[in-house]
Structures are given as structure tokens and as C-alpha cells.
């Protein structure tokens, strides 16, 4: 008899070593429609989870809410129940002009502007994805934008525009809130991680309009969400991941 993890309510009975995480609990329903033999697992706080199959591989899908603290808790509890591969599928704001709505942004590394990851390791420690998951991303999403992104803690700070302009000038391609903590915890716990983001805000565009487009299912953004979910499912069901780690 397994005692469920306190926040996610997961146990080793999920019987899989691979998971897709996302901020929005509603996105769990979206990915469930793409899988077979789906079993609802739990819905506690922001953590909604299902287990299903894709191309014969068993995969957990779980929401983690907004920001590094809740995502960090989710990743730690995934580790505790035996998950080794974690792909984040989320939304991002573009940090360069020319990245259209619905375009996938895949992180090759992350500028860590969140607070939590500093409690794990100093800021000079890099947040980077697992090489073989990134390699598989190039296989399944060759047209995505690849580059360094920025993970931060909030949208409404007084100097947010100045921060974005600074990092845009350094070549950052996108911005989210959870990828940094995912990759830092992943490295500390021996997990392989990757972050696939759907662009919902044009650079220097209106944040509220972009996020509302995601909520309302605007065509380009909705297609980007589907593309990101399918990319993650294809990566985690790839036969190459059967090689012992």
C-alpha cells in the first residue's frame, strides 16, 4: 500500500518513468484526448493528473499551476514516484520580433530569474535540458525556434518592460516561469528534462491579449498548443528512450 505524495497525490502505481507537465489543468484534458486508455489519477490543488498511452508507451500528464514553487513541488514528487523523463509543455512570450503566435520555442538553456532555483544551486549553475530529449525535439519539431529562454517570477513588476528589453538585447528568444526550476531540479535528481513552449504573446505585444487568446482558443495559439503536446508525446514514446539510463 503506497502513501500518496502530499501535493500531487501520485504514487509509484502510476507505473511509468515518463511525464509531461503543464501549468494549466485544462491542458491535461486536451492531452488526454490525444492518448489512449486514459485513466484519471488525481486532482488536488493545482495538480491534475491522468495516465494514458501513446504509441504503446505509458505516459503521465500533470498540471503544476503557475510559477517555480508549484512546478518545483511537482517535479520533486514526480522524482519520488520513479519518473525519470519530464517534458514541460507550456506557454511563452516571444522575446524577439518575427516569432509568430503559435510558434514552438524550445529551450536550449534558461536564464534563471526565479527565486526558488537559487535555493538549490548558485545562480552561476546552468539550467539546461537533457541532450537526448533536445535531440529528439529536433527530430519531431525541426521548425521550432531553438535558443536560450528566461524564466522569471511575475508579469506585473514596475520594471518588466526594461527587463524584457535587456534580455531581448542579449538574444533571449522567449520567456516563461517554470523551465528554469524544472531543469535545475532535474539535474539535481538525475532526471532528464526538456521544455517545449507555445508562443502566445508577440514581442512587445499585449500580454493580456496574448494570454486571453490562449484561454479563448484562438486558431494559431490553439494549433501551437496541439503541436507542443504532440511533440512531447512523440519524444516520450520514441524507441530510443528504451535504452537503459
Foldseek 3Di string as FASTA:
>chain_A
DFQADPAQRDALVLVAQAEEEEAQPVVQVVLQVVFAPKDWDDCGDRWTWIWGHDPRHIYMYIHQHAFAPSLLSVLVSSLVSNHFEYEYEYAWAWLDAPQDALAKEWEQWEQEAADVLCVVDNNVDTQGFDVLLVVLLCVQPVPHHYYYAYAHGDDDDPCNLVVSNVVSVVVHTIYGHHSRSNRSVSVVSNHGYIYMHGYQHYNVGDPVNSVVCCVVVPPSNVNSSVSSSVSSNCSVPDPVVVPDD
